[in-house]
Amino acid sequence: MSINYLNVENLTLGYGNNIVINNLDLSLKSDKNYQIIGKNGVGKSTLLGFISSNFQGNVFSSNIETEKIRILEISNLATIDNNLSLIENCFYFTKGKIPEEEIILSLEQYGVHHFKDDLVQNFSSGMIKRSEMAIAQIIDPDILCIDEPLNYLDKQGVELLKILLAERSKVGKGNILSSQESINIFENNYEMIDLNVY
């Protein structure tokens, strides 16, 4: 069932007294896909962090209405713990509620199952991104936010990402991507949120 999980008017976000996003109106539906686009410094990561409740800055006078929904963000910095092994990260993010056999199947799909007992600090950036995608598949949030989705992925990794996003869309789960320019390799329709115009 589709819901409007975020409605904001005059959204103004910043750090200290420095305003990054000013007077943005936004309404997001749970079964839709969105692309946040904009040049460097216009607030793409800031907005994505706000949507996923990971924003650490200041919210100035804004009208905000939210509905409770499960949102997972894969940021441009590693979102898994370097000091844990991959399987320990999986147990942490799933709160131990997903059987290990099911976790291993997802890790296998993303080509990282052979490294499940290795510390993430020894992973390449591409391996970390694949691991995050596997965890996203396991958790299966209502909304998946990915900052700079193509960063660190090789051709096969991009194909795995396309499959992940397409499979989520088929069952009415939303995706939000953030990048400098529109990414046209994904099959599903993505509504543009162009921060260059604000």
Protein backbone atom coordinates (compact mmCIF):
# COMPACT_ATOMS: atom_id res chain seq x y z
CA MET A 1 0.00 0.00 0.00
CA SER A 2 1.39 3.37 -1.04
CA ILE A 3 1.63 6.11 1.56
CA ASN A 4 2.91 9.68 1.58
CA TYR A 5 5.68 9.18 4.11
CA LEU A 6 7.22 12.65 3.88
CA ASN A 7 5.59 16.01 3.19
CA VAL A 8 7.60 19.18 3.73
CA GLU A 9 7.04 22.84 2.95
CA ASN A 10 9.79 25.45 2.99
CA LEU A 11 12.36 22.85 4.05
CA THR A 12 15.49 24.70 5.11
CA LEU A 13 18.54 22.72 6.21
CA GLY A 14 22.05 23.74 7.16
CA TYR A 15 25.07 23.38 9.39
CA GLY A 16 25.52 26.03 12.04
CA ASN A 17 24.25 29.21 10.39
CA ASN A 18 25.23 28.03 6.91
CA ILE A 19 22.06 27.19 4.95
CA VAL A 20 22.52 24.41 2.38
CA ILE A 21 18.91 23.79 1.30
CA ASN A 22 16.47 26.69 1.33
CA ASN A 23 12.65 26.64 1.07
CA LEU A 24 12.27 23.25 -0.62
CA ASP A 25 8.78 21.77 -0.99
CA LEU A 26 8.74 17.99 -1.22
CA SER A 27 6.24 15.13 -1.09
CA LEU A 28 7.44 11.51 -1.26
CA LYS A 29 5.39 8.35 -1.82
CA SER A 30 6.52 4.93 -0.64
CA ASP A 31 6.00 3.14 -3.97
CA LYS A 32 7.79 5.71 -6.14
CA ASN A 33 11.41 6.09 -7.20
CA TYR A 34 13.26 9.40 -7.04
CA GLN A 35 16.57 10.80 -8.22
CA ILE A 36 18.07 13.76 -6.37
CA ILE A 37 20.39 15.54 -8.79
CA GLY A 38 22.58 18.61 -8.49
CA LYS A 39 26.10 19.94 -8.75
CA ASN A 40 28.58 19.72 -5.89
CA GLY A 41 27.58 21.57 -2.74
CA VAL A 42 23.85 22.03 -3.44
CA GLY A 43 22.79 19.65 -0.66
CA LYS A 44 22.17 16.25 -2.28
CA SER A 45 23.74 14.27 0.55
CA THR A 46 22.18 16.62 3.10
CA LEU A 47 18.68 16.00 1.69
CA LEU A 48 19.24 12.26 1.45
CA GLY A 49 20.40 12.23 5.08
CA PHE A 50 17.31 14.19 6.10
CA ILE A 51 14.97 11.80 4.29
CA SER A 52 16.64 8.79 5.94
CA SER A 53 16.73 10.44 9.41
CA ASN A 54 20.54 10.55 9.39
CA PHE A 55 20.88 14.34 9.10
CA GLN A 56 23.20 15.82 11.75
CA GLY A 57 22.73 19.51 11.03
CA ASN A 58 20.07 22.15 11.74
CA VAL A 59 16.46 22.16 10.54
CA PHE A 60 15.26 25.76 10.31
CA SER A 61 11.61 26.90 10.23
CA SER A 62 10.05 24.17 8.07
CA ASN A 63 6.66 22.45 7.99
CA ILE A 64 7.36 18.71 8.20
CA GLU A 65 4.90 15.79 8.23
CA THR A 66 6.20 12.23 8.38
CA GLU A 67 4.79 8.72 8.55
CA LYS A 68 6.65 5.89 10.23
CA ILE A 69 8.36 3.80 7.59
CA ARG A 70 11.56 1.72 7.38
CA ILE A 71 14.28 3.63 5.53
CA LEU A 72 17.87 2.47 4.94
CA GLU A 73 20.60 4.74 3.59
CA ILE A 74 23.78 3.67 1.83
CA SER A 75 25.85 6.84 2.03
CA ASN A 76 28.92 7.73 0.01
CA LEU A 77 31.01 6.83 3.07
CA ALA A 78 31.04 3.25 4.35
CA THR A 79 27.93 2.54 6.40
CA ILE A 80 29.16 -0.77 7.79
CA ASP A 81 31.53 -1.11 10.73
CA ASN A 82 35.20 -1.46 9.77
CA ASN A 83 36.01 -3.17 13.06
CA LEU A 84 33.55 -6.02 12.53
CA SER A 85 33.60 -8.91 10.10
CA LEU A 86 31.08 -8.92 7.27
CA ILE A 87 28.91 -11.57 8.92
CA GLU A 88 29.02 -9.65 12.23
CA ASN A 89 27.82 -6.56 10.36
CA CYS A 90 24.98 -8.60 8.88
CA PHE A 91 23.94 -9.84 12.34
CA TYR A 92 24.14 -6.29 13.67
CA PHE A 93 21.99 -4.73 10.94
CA THR A 94 19.42 -7.53 11.01
CA LYS A 95 19.35 -7.53 14.83
CA GLY A 96 19.89 -11.28 14.71
CA LYS A 97 16.40 -11.84 13.28
CA ILE A 98 17.47 -13.30 9.91
CA PRO A 99 18.81 -16.89 9.75
CA GLU A 100 22.50 -17.15 8.86
CA GLU A 101 21.67 -19.41 5.90
CA GLU A 102 19.53 -16.66 4.36
CA ILE A 103 22.26 -14.09 4.95
CA ILE A 104 24.86 -16.29 3.26
CA LEU A 105 22.63 -16.68 0.19
CA SER A 106 22.49 -12.90 -0.22
CA LEU A 107 26.23 -12.52 0.32
CA GLU A 108 26.75 -15.19 -2.32
CA GLN A 109 24.52 -13.33 -4.77
CA TYR A 110 26.72 -10.25 -4.40
CA GLY A 111 29.98 -12.20 -4.61
CA VAL A 112 31.23 -11.46 -1.08
CA HIS A 113 30.35 -14.69 0.75
CA HIS A 114 33.96 -15.92 0.70
CA PHE A 115 34.87 -12.89 2.84
CA LYS A 116 32.11 -13.23 5.44
CA ASP A 117 34.56 -13.82 8.29
CA ASP A 118 37.02 -11.10 7.21
CA LEU A 119 37.18 -7.68 8.84
CA VAL A 120 35.58 -4.98 6.72
CA GLN A 121 38.66 -2.77 7.25
CA ASN A 122 40.46 -5.06 4.80
CA PHE A 123 37.82 -4.69 2.08
CA SER A 124 38.16 -2.60 -1.07
CA SER A 125 35.62 0.17 -1.67
CA GLY A 126 33.89 -2.03 -4.24
CA MET A 127 33.58 -4.92 -1.80
CA ILE A 128 32.13 -2.59 0.82
CA LYS A 129 29.53 -1.30 -1.66
CA ARG A 130 28.55 -4.86 -2.64
CA SER A 131 28.32 -5.82 1.04
CA GLU A 132 26.04 -2.84 1.70
CA MET A 133 23.84 -3.86 -1.22
CA ALA A 134 23.61 -7.40 0.14
CA ILE A 135 22.64 -6.09 3.58
CA ALA A 136 20.03 -3.83 1.96
CA GLN A 137 18.55 -6.85 0.22
CA ILE A 138 18.49 -8.81 3.48
CA ILE A 139 16.89 -5.99 5.51
CA ASP A 140 14.46 -5.16 2.67
CA PRO A 141 13.49 -1.66 3.89
CA ASP A 142 10.43 0.18 2.62
CA ILE A 143 12.69 2.87 1.17
CA LEU A 144 16.31 2.43 0.07
CA CYS A 145 18.41 5.62 -0.26
CA ILE A 146 21.76 5.44 -2.07
CA ASP A 147 24.17 8.37 -2.35
CA GLU A 148 26.25 8.24 -5.58
CA PRO A 149 25.00 4.71 -6.40
CA LEU A 150 27.54 3.94 -9.13
CA ASN A 151 30.64 4.87 -7.11
CA TYR A 152 33.11 1.99 -6.62
CA LEU A 153 31.05 -0.50 -8.66
CA ASP A 154 32.45 -2.39 -11.63
CA LYS A 155 30.23 -3.45 -14.55
CA GLN A 156 28.99 -6.56 -12.74
CA GLY A 157 28.33 -4.56 -9.58
CA VAL A 158 26.23 -2.07 -11.55
CA GLU A 159 24.19 -4.96 -12.98
CA LEU A 160 23.61 -6.31 -9.46
CA LEU A 161 22.46 -2.86 -8.35
CA LYS A 162 20.05 -2.63 -11.29
CA ILE A 163 18.56 -6.01 -10.33
CA LEU A 164 18.24 -5.00 -6.67
CA LEU A 165 16.42 -1.76 -7.49
CA ALA A 166 14.19 -3.36 -10.12
CA GLU A 167 13.16 -6.21 -7.80
CA ARG A 168 12.30 -3.72 -5.07
CA SER A 169 10.19 -1.67 -7.49
CA LYS A 170 8.26 -4.75 -8.59
CA VAL A 171 6.91 -5.19 -5.05
CA GLY A 172 6.12 -1.50 -4.53
CA LYS A 173 9.19 -0.54 -2.50
CA GLY A 174 10.76 2.84 -3.21
CA ASN A 175 14.31 3.82 -4.10
CA ILE A 176 15.96 7.23 -3.83
CA LEU A 177 19.24 7.85 -5.65
CA SER A 178 21.46 10.90 -5.32
CA SER A 179 23.99 11.90 -7.98
CA GLN A 180 25.34 14.91 -9.86
CA GLU A 181 23.43 14.05 -13.03
CA SER A 182 20.49 11.86 -13.96
CA ILE A 183 21.39 8.17 -14.16
CA ASN A 184 19.56 6.69 -17.15
CA ILE A 185 20.58 3.04 -16.80
CA PHE A 186 17.72 2.04 -14.51
CA GLU A 187 14.56 0.66 -16.10
CA ASN A 188 12.01 1.98 -13.63
CA ASN A 189 10.72 5.53 -13.78
CA TYR A 190 12.48 7.95 -11.45
CA GLU A 191 10.97 11.31 -10.59
CA MET A 192 13.60 14.05 -10.57
CA ILE A 193 14.32 16.29 -7.59
CA ASP A 194 16.61 18.87 -9.18
CA LEU A 195 18.43 20.87 -6.50
CA ASN A 196 20.14 23.04 -9.11
CA VAL A 197 16.96 25.11 -9.36
CA TYR A 198 16.83 26.05 -5.66
